[in-house]
Amino acid sequence: MQIPKPTDEVKELFRSVVPDGPSVVVKPMFGNLGAFVNGNMFAGLYGPAIGIRLLDAASQRELRAIEGTGPFGPEERPMGGYIALPEVWKSDPDRVSEWMETAFTQVSELPAKQPKIRRK
């Protein structure tokens, strides 16, 4: 499976809409980017797509009802709980930022993930 790569412009947009905070980390993942709070991913890039994780069923329904949203991740195996934001929103960073903040708020309520112990 070939993993699509985001453009520099999409990476820049992604970084600009991720909420600031001491518990937020943006790091590379398979040539893309992921945004984490307390070790839990709340947003990511998959090629040109920006996806967010929503835990609240009402928020998921609200976002899925918007034209242009869809599954996030590989077509043959999308990431559960994540929704790709509409492509046209890239020209409206404020709208992306609002949903990014919603994802951040919801995922920040999860217990912190413990780092995995790496074996030698």
C-alpha atoms as a PDB file:
ATOM      1  CA  MET A   1       0.000   0.000   0.000  1.00  0.00           C
ATOM      2  CA  GLN A   2       1.323   3.397  -1.038  1.00  0.00           C
ATOM      3  CA  ILE A   3       0.789   6.055   1.665  1.00  0.00           C
ATOM      4  CA  PRO A   4       0.009   9.475   0.146  1.00  0.00           C
ATOM      5  CA  LYS A   5       2.158  12.380   1.290  1.00  0.00           C
ATOM      6  CA  PRO A   6       0.812  15.832   2.176  1.00  0.00           C
ATOM      7  CA  THR A   7       2.067  18.965   0.482  1.00  0.00           C
ATOM      8  CA  ASP A   8       4.033  21.551   2.434  1.00  0.00           C
ATOM      9  CA  GLU A   9       0.984  23.837   2.230  1.00  0.00           C
ATOM     10  CA  VAL A  10      -1.270  21.229   3.875  1.00  0.00           C
ATOM     11  CA  LYS A  11       1.338  20.598   6.583  1.00  0.00           C
ATOM     12  CA  GLU A  12       1.544  24.337   7.246  1.00  0.00           C
ATOM     13  CA  LEU A  13      -2.257  24.643   7.448  1.00  0.00           C
ATOM     14  CA  PHE A  14      -2.427  21.649   9.795  1.00  0.00           C
ATOM     15  CA  ARG A  15       0.184  23.072  12.149  1.00  0.00           C
ATOM     16  CA  SER A  16      -1.574  26.457  12.125  1.00  0.00           C
ATOM     17  CA  VAL A  17      -4.946  25.027  13.245  1.00  0.00           C
ATOM     18  CA  VAL A  18      -3.703  22.628  15.937  1.00  0.00           C
ATOM     19  CA  PRO A  19      -4.464  24.164  19.359  1.00  0.00           C
ATOM     20  CA  ASP A  20      -1.491  25.360  21.400  1.00  0.00           C
ATOM     21  CA  GLY A  21      -0.835  23.867  24.787  1.00  0.00           C
ATOM     22  CA  PRO A  22       1.793  22.101  26.847  1.00  0.00           C
ATOM     23  CA  SER A  23       0.060  18.745  26.399  1.00  0.00           C
ATOM     24  CA  VAL A  24      -0.147  19.041  22.576  1.00  0.00           C
ATOM     25  CA  VAL A  25       2.478  17.414  20.378  1.00  0.00           C
ATOM     26  CA  VAL A  26       2.585  17.383  16.578  1.00  0.00           C
ATOM     27  CA  LYS A  27       4.836  14.684  15.190  1.00  0.00           C
ATOM     28  CA  PRO A  28       5.509  12.866  11.923  1.00  0.00           C
ATOM     29  CA  MET A  29       3.654   9.629  11.230  1.00  0.00           C
ATOM     30  CA  PHE A  30       4.408   7.577   8.115  1.00  0.00           C
ATOM     31  CA  GLY A  31       5.302  10.691   6.119  1.00  0.00           C
ATOM     32  CA  ASN A  32       2.239  12.562   7.382  1.00  0.00           C
ATOM     33  CA  LEU A  33       1.562  14.431  10.650  1.00  0.00           C
ATOM     34  CA  GLY A  34      -0.409  13.577  13.774  1.00  0.00           C
ATOM     35  CA  ALA A  35      -1.538  15.861  16.611  1.00  0.00           C
ATOM     36  CA  PHE A  36      -1.642  14.327  20.082  1.00  0.00           C
ATOM     37  CA  VAL A  37      -2.904  15.407  23.482  1.00  0.00           C
ATOM     38  CA  ASN A  38      -1.600  13.453  26.470  1.00  0.00           C
ATOM     39  CA  GLY A  39      -0.392  10.786  24.040  1.00  0.00           C
ATOM     40  CA  ASN A  40      -3.792  10.340  22.336  1.00  0.00           C
ATOM     41  CA  MET A  41      -4.122  11.330  18.681  1.00  0.00           C
ATOM     42  CA  PHE A  42      -6.923  13.822  18.019  1.00  0.00           C
ATOM     43  CA  ALA A  43      -6.093  14.895  14.455  1.00  0.00           C
ATOM     44  CA  GLY A  44      -3.933  13.881  11.561  1.00  0.00           C
ATOM     45  CA  LEU A  45      -3.029  14.175   7.936  1.00  0.00           C
ATOM     46  CA  TYR A  46      -3.358  11.416   5.373  1.00  0.00           C
ATOM     47  CA  GLY A  47      -2.002  12.893   2.182  1.00  0.00           C
ATOM     48  CA  PRO A  48      -4.122  15.957   1.449  1.00  0.00           C
ATOM     49  CA  ALA A  49      -6.887  14.972   3.915  1.00  0.00           C
ATOM     50  CA  ILE A  50      -7.199  16.449   7.401  1.00  0.00           C
ATOM     51  CA  GLY A  51      -8.968  14.102   9.797  1.00  0.00           C
ATOM     52  CA  ILE A  52     -10.157  14.582  13.354  1.00  0.00           C
ATOM     53  CA  ARG A  53     -11.244  12.194  16.076  1.00  0.00           C
ATOM     54  CA  LEU A  54     -14.586  12.876  17.709  1.00  0.00           C
ATOM     55  CA  LEU A  55     -15.740  10.880  20.720  1.00  0.00           C
ATOM     56  CA  ASP A  56     -19.179  12.421  21.112  1.00  0.00           C
ATOM     57  CA  ALA A  57     -21.854  10.770  18.922  1.00  0.00           C
ATOM     58  CA  ALA A  58     -23.752  14.044  18.469  1.00  0.00           C
ATOM     59  CA  SER A  59     -20.609  15.798  17.215  1.00  0.00           C
ATOM     60  CA  GLN A  60     -19.916  12.910  14.842  1.00  0.00           C
ATOM     61  CA  ARG A  61     -23.435  13.111  13.405  1.00  0.00           C
ATOM     62  CA  GLU A  62     -23.208  16.889  13.039  1.00  0.00           C
ATOM     63  CA  LEU A  63     -19.911  16.742  11.169  1.00  0.00           C
ATOM     64  CA  ARG A  64     -20.873  13.760   8.990  1.00  0.00           C
ATOM     65  CA  ALA A  65     -24.005  15.653   7.888  1.00  0.00           C
ATOM     66  CA  ILE A  66     -21.797  18.291   6.236  1.00  0.00           C
ATOM     67  CA  GLU A  67     -21.198  17.742   2.539  1.00  0.00           C
ATOM     68  CA  GLY A  68     -17.624  16.757   1.725  1.00  0.00           C
ATOM     69  CA  THR A  69     -16.809  14.875   4.923  1.00  0.00           C
ATOM     70  CA  GLY A  70     -15.857  11.244   4.696  1.00  0.00           C
ATOM     71  CA  PRO A  71     -13.774   8.402   6.061  1.00  0.00           C
ATOM     72  CA  PHE A  72     -10.197   9.202   7.069  1.00  0.00           C
ATOM     73  CA  GLY A  73      -7.191   7.064   6.243  1.00  0.00           C
ATOM     74  CA  PRO A  74      -6.602   4.324   3.706  1.00  0.00           C
ATOM     75  CA  GLU A  75      -9.639   3.661   1.536  1.00  0.00           C
ATOM     76  CA  GLU A  76      -9.480  -0.070   2.206  1.00  0.00           C
ATOM     77  CA  ARG A  77      -9.120   0.439   5.969  1.00  0.00           C
ATOM     78  CA  PRO A  78     -10.244   3.860   7.251  1.00  0.00           C
ATOM     79  CA  MET A  79      -9.451   4.843  10.828  1.00  0.00           C
ATOM     80  CA  GLY A  80     -12.387   4.256  13.162  1.00  0.00           C
ATOM     81  CA  GLY A  81     -13.633   7.305  15.023  1.00  0.00           C
ATOM     82  CA  TYR A  82     -11.935   9.729  12.613  1.00  0.00           C
ATOM     83  CA  ILE A  83     -13.674  11.898  10.034  1.00  0.00           C
ATOM     84  CA  ALA A  84     -11.997  13.632   7.094  1.00  0.00           C
ATOM     85  CA  LEU A  85     -12.905  17.297   6.871  1.00  0.00           C
ATOM     86  CA  PRO A  86     -14.214  18.694   3.571  1.00  0.00           C
ATOM     87  CA  GLU A  87     -11.453  19.514   1.094  1.00  0.00           C
ATOM     88  CA  VAL A  88     -12.948  22.975   0.438  1.00  0.00           C
ATOM     89  CA  TRP A  89     -12.399  23.937   4.084  1.00  0.00           C
ATOM     90  CA  LYS A  90      -8.682  24.316   3.409  1.00  0.00           C
ATOM     91  CA  SER A  91      -9.521  27.812   2.203  1.00  0.00           C
ATOM     92  CA  ASP A  92     -11.341  28.482   5.511  1.00  0.00           C
ATOM     93  CA  PRO A  93      -8.822  27.796   8.318  1.00  0.00           C
ATOM     94  CA  ASP A  94     -11.204  29.204  10.951  1.00  0.00           C
ATOM     95  CA  ARG A  95     -13.722  26.457  10.217  1.00  0.00           C
ATOM     96  CA  VAL A  96     -11.010  23.783  10.349  1.00  0.00           C
ATOM     97  CA  SER A  97      -9.756  25.306  13.596  1.00  0.00           C
ATOM     98  CA  GLU A  98     -13.223  25.143  15.208  1.00  0.00           C
ATOM     99  CA  TRP A  99     -13.538  21.402  14.565  1.00  0.00           C
ATOM    100  CA  MET A 100      -9.901  20.827  15.516  1.00  0.00           C
ATOM    101  CA  GLU A 101     -10.622  22.497  18.867  1.00  0.00           C
ATOM    102  CA  THR A 102     -13.690  20.274  19.339  1.00  0.00           C
ATOM    103  CA  ALA A 103     -11.599  17.161  18.675  1.00  0.00           C
ATOM    104  CA  PHE A 104      -8.863  18.401  21.009  1.00  0.00           C
ATOM    105  CA  THR A 105     -11.354  19.095  23.812  1.00  0.00           C
ATOM    106  CA  GLN A 106     -13.028  15.691  23.512  1.00  0.00           C
ATOM    107  CA  VAL A 107      -9.834  13.644  23.232  1.00  0.00           C
ATOM    108  CA  SER A 108      -8.124  15.574  26.041  1.00  0.00           C
ATOM    109  CA  GLU A 109     -10.688  14.042  28.413  1.00  0.00           C
ATOM    110  CA  LEU A 110      -9.281  10.554  27.763  1.00  0.00           C
ATOM    111  CA  PRO A 111      -6.764   9.129  30.218  1.00  0.00           C
ATOM    112  CA  ALA A 112      -3.165   9.882  29.276  1.00  0.00           C
ATOM    113  CA  LYS A 113      -1.479   7.127  27.290  1.00  0.00           C
ATOM    114  CA  GLN A 114       1.541   5.583  28.894  1.00  0.00           C
ATOM    115  CA  PRO A 115       4.623   5.477  26.676  1.00  0.00           C
ATOM    116  CA  LYS A 116       5.371   2.045  25.236  1.00  0.00           C
ATOM    117  CA  ILE A 117       8.475   0.365  26.542  1.00  0.00           C
ATOM    118  CA  ARG A 118      10.860  -0.232  23.673  1.00  0.00           C
ATOM    119  CA  ARG A 119      12.588  -3.570  23.614  1.00  0.00           C
ATOM    120  CA  LYS A 120      16.196  -3.878  22.542  1.00  0.00           C
END
